[in-house]
Amino acid sequence: MTRGLDLSTLATLALLALGATPPAPGQPDVACPPSYKEAKGPCDAPAGALRACTYPEGRCECLRSVPCSGAAQPLGEPRWLCVPKRTDGCPDGTPSPGSACTKPGKKCSYGTCGSIELTCDPKTRKWFISGGVAPPPSRPDAGPPPHPTPVPPTKIRGPGAGPS
């Protein structure tokens, strides 16, 4: 009987299939900065791939930056985005709604541009979405979005009415 492959083996096979050389077992990705403190500024984001580095202080990802705005914005240059380990009793990663939780009534917020709040249901001990905040508008001074040009009302003519 064949047993399933673990995630590490699958990741290694995927890297080999793409022609990349995976890091040696127990060794960090060579593209990761040596420390959490050094993971800042521009980075080399491989096309279509995720570059994530885990450190004792937190996790860093090489991502194309997007300005925090409610309006669509072009992607910026790849930069390191680091999130420190949480010290408030909440899970480091955003839990999936419906997944198990251990601290009934605990509220945790996640997000860097807008946010989502999850609460541990005291009865079911499962996370549920309890709130959220939308991203800010495109510019604080922009005011409300422009209204379309008003269209004058059209005259409705009765049957048999000729041209006016």
Protein backbone atom coordinates (compact mmCIF):
# COMPACT_ATOMS: atom_id res chain seq x y z
CA MET A 1 0.00 0.00 0.00
CA THR A 2 1.34 3.45 -0.95
CA ARG A 3 1.28 6.16 1.65
CA GLY A 4 0.68 9.86 0.86
CA LEU A 5 3.61 12.22 0.44
CA ASP A 6 4.28 14.83 3.09
CA LEU A 7 4.17 18.55 2.26
CA SER A 8 7.96 18.92 2.30
CA THR A 9 8.38 16.13 -0.26
CA LEU A 10 5.67 17.63 -2.49
CA ALA A 11 7.35 21.06 -2.33
CA THR A 12 10.71 19.54 -3.26
CA LEU A 13 9.17 17.69 -6.21
CA ALA A 14 7.48 20.88 -7.40
CA LEU A 15 10.77 22.81 -7.26
CA LEU A 16 12.56 20.07 -9.18
CA ALA A 17 9.81 20.02 -11.83
CA LEU A 18 10.27 23.78 -12.29
CA GLY A 19 14.02 23.31 -12.72
CA ALA A 20 14.86 24.95 -9.40
CA THR A 21 17.17 23.55 -6.77
CA PRO A 22 15.43 23.16 -3.41
CA PRO A 23 17.31 24.08 -0.25
CA ALA A 24 19.00 21.22 1.59
CA PRO A 25 16.86 19.74 4.39
CA GLY A 26 17.03 21.95 7.48
CA GLN A 27 18.62 24.80 5.52
CA PRO A 28 16.86 28.11 4.84
CA ASP A 29 16.01 29.26 1.31
CA VAL A 30 19.22 30.92 0.04
CA ALA A 31 17.10 33.84 -1.20
CA CYS A 32 15.95 34.56 2.36
CA PRO A 33 17.82 37.29 4.19
CA PRO A 34 19.99 35.89 6.99
CA SER A 35 17.80 37.45 9.70
CA TYR A 36 14.35 38.94 10.33
CA LYS A 37 15.93 42.39 10.85
CA GLU A 38 17.59 42.21 7.43
CA ALA A 39 14.36 41.33 5.59
CA LYS A 40 13.41 44.85 4.54
CA GLY A 41 13.33 46.87 1.36
CA PRO A 42 13.40 45.50 -2.20
CA CYS A 43 13.55 41.76 -2.87
CA ASP A 44 13.68 39.39 -5.82
CA ALA A 45 10.17 37.96 -6.27
CA PRO A 46 10.31 34.86 -8.46
CA ALA A 47 7.63 35.02 -11.17
CA GLY A 48 4.48 33.26 -10.00
CA ALA A 49 6.15 31.87 -6.89
CA LEU A 50 5.91 32.69 -3.23
CA ARG A 51 9.09 33.53 -1.38
CA ALA A 52 8.42 33.25 2.33
CA CYS A 53 10.94 33.13 5.13
CA THR A 54 10.23 32.10 8.70
CA TYR A 55 12.31 33.39 11.59
CA PRO A 56 11.97 33.09 15.38
CA GLU A 57 10.66 36.71 15.41
CA GLY A 58 8.04 36.21 12.67
CA ARG A 59 7.47 35.56 8.98
CA CYS A 60 8.52 37.62 5.94
CA GLU A 61 7.25 37.38 2.37
CA CYS A 62 8.61 38.90 -0.82
CA LEU A 63 5.53 40.51 -2.38
CA ARG A 64 4.72 43.05 -5.03
CA SER A 65 3.50 46.01 -3.05
CA VAL A 66 0.06 47.49 -3.61
CA PRO A 67 -0.82 50.90 -2.15
CA CYS A 68 -3.46 50.60 0.56
CA SER A 69 -6.49 52.05 -1.17
CA GLY A 70 -10.10 51.27 -1.94
CA ALA A 71 -9.34 52.08 -5.59
CA ALA A 72 -7.51 49.73 -7.95
CA GLN A 73 -3.79 50.51 -8.05
CA PRO A 74 -0.93 49.15 -10.17
CA LEU A 75 1.45 46.71 -8.51
CA GLY A 76 4.64 48.18 -7.13
CA GLU A 77 8.11 46.70 -7.01
CA PRO A 78 8.64 43.54 -4.92
CA ARG A 79 9.43 44.34 -1.28
CA TRP A 80 9.76 42.36 1.95
CA LEU A 81 6.64 42.40 4.11
CA CYS A 82 7.31 41.07 7.60
CA VAL A 83 4.77 40.22 10.27
CA PRO A 84 6.05 39.63 13.81
CA LYS A 85 4.88 36.68 15.89
CA ARG A 86 1.79 37.63 17.84
CA THR A 87 2.03 38.10 21.58
CA ASP A 88 -1.68 38.77 22.24
CA GLY A 89 -2.78 35.12 22.42
CA CYS A 90 -4.12 35.07 18.84
CA PRO A 91 -2.88 32.60 16.19
CA ASP A 92 -0.06 33.99 14.02
CA GLY A 93 -1.87 33.18 10.77
CA THR A 94 -5.49 34.11 10.07
CA PRO A 95 -7.65 31.17 11.16
CA SER A 96 -10.26 29.91 8.71
CA PRO A 97 -13.85 30.61 9.75
CA GLY A 98 -15.26 27.36 11.16
CA SER A 99 -11.86 26.04 12.28
CA ALA A 100 -11.34 25.01 15.91
CA CYS A 101 -10.25 27.54 18.53
CA THR A 102 -9.20 27.14 22.15
CA LYS A 103 -9.94 30.49 23.84
CA PRO A 104 -13.73 31.06 23.98
CA GLY A 105 -14.65 34.70 23.42
CA LYS A 106 -11.17 35.64 22.14
CA LYS A 107 -11.27 38.31 19.39
CA CYS A 108 -8.42 38.56 16.89
CA SER A 109 -7.93 41.06 14.04
CA TYR A 110 -5.90 40.41 10.89
CA GLY A 111 -4.92 42.55 7.93
CA THR A 112 -2.65 45.40 6.90
CA CYS A 113 -5.00 47.28 4.56
CA GLY A 114 -8.44 46.99 6.03
CA SER A 115 -8.96 44.14 8.45
CA ILE A 116 -11.09 41.20 9.45
CA GLU A 117 -12.00 40.32 13.02
CA LEU A 118 -12.60 36.73 14.09
CA THR A 119 -14.07 35.61 17.41
CA CYS A 120 -13.84 32.20 19.08
CA ASP A 121 -17.45 31.11 19.65
CA PRO A 122 -17.83 30.11 23.34
CA LYS A 123 -20.38 27.36 22.52
CA THR A 124 -18.96 25.73 19.39
CA ARG A 125 -15.29 26.66 19.96
CA LYS A 126 -14.97 27.58 16.29
CA TRP A 127 -13.81 30.84 14.71
CA PHE A 128 -16.42 33.07 13.07
CA ILE A 129 -16.11 36.44 11.32
CA SER A 130 -17.36 39.06 13.77
CA GLY A 131 -16.33 42.27 12.03
CA GLY A 132 -14.16 43.97 9.50
CA VAL A 133 -12.89 47.31 8.28
CA ALA A 134 -12.70 48.27 4.60
CA PRO A 135 -9.56 49.79 3.10
CA PRO A 136 -9.41 53.59 3.05
CA PRO A 137 -10.64 55.54 -0.01
CA SER A 138 -8.18 56.26 -2.80
CA ARG A 139 -7.24 59.70 -1.37
CA PRO A 140 -8.33 61.23 1.93
CA ASP A 141 -8.98 64.57 0.17
CA ALA A 142 -10.77 63.07 -2.84
CA GLY A 143 -14.24 63.37 -1.34
CA PRO A 144 -17.13 61.22 -2.55
CA PRO A 145 -16.82 59.48 -5.91
CA PRO A 146 -17.97 61.64 -8.85
CA HIS A 147 -21.55 61.25 -10.00
CA PRO A 148 -22.20 60.43 -13.64
CA THR A 149 -23.39 63.29 -15.82
CA PRO A 150 -27.17 63.55 -15.41
CA VAL A 151 -29.17 62.41 -18.41
CA PRO A 152 -32.20 64.57 -19.16
CA PRO A 153 -35.50 62.73 -18.86
CA THR A 154 -36.93 61.39 -22.10
CA LYS A 155 -40.39 62.39 -23.23
CA ILE A 156 -42.68 59.43 -23.45
CA ARG A 157 -45.05 59.74 -26.33
CA GLY A 158 -48.34 57.95 -26.60
CA PRO A 159 -49.27 55.55 -29.40
CA GLY A 160 -49.56 57.13 -32.81
CA ALA A 161 -47.68 60.25 -31.77
CA GLY A 162 -45.62 61.58 -34.60
CA PRO A 163 -42.19 63.15 -34.45
CA SER A 164 -41.95 66.28 -32.37
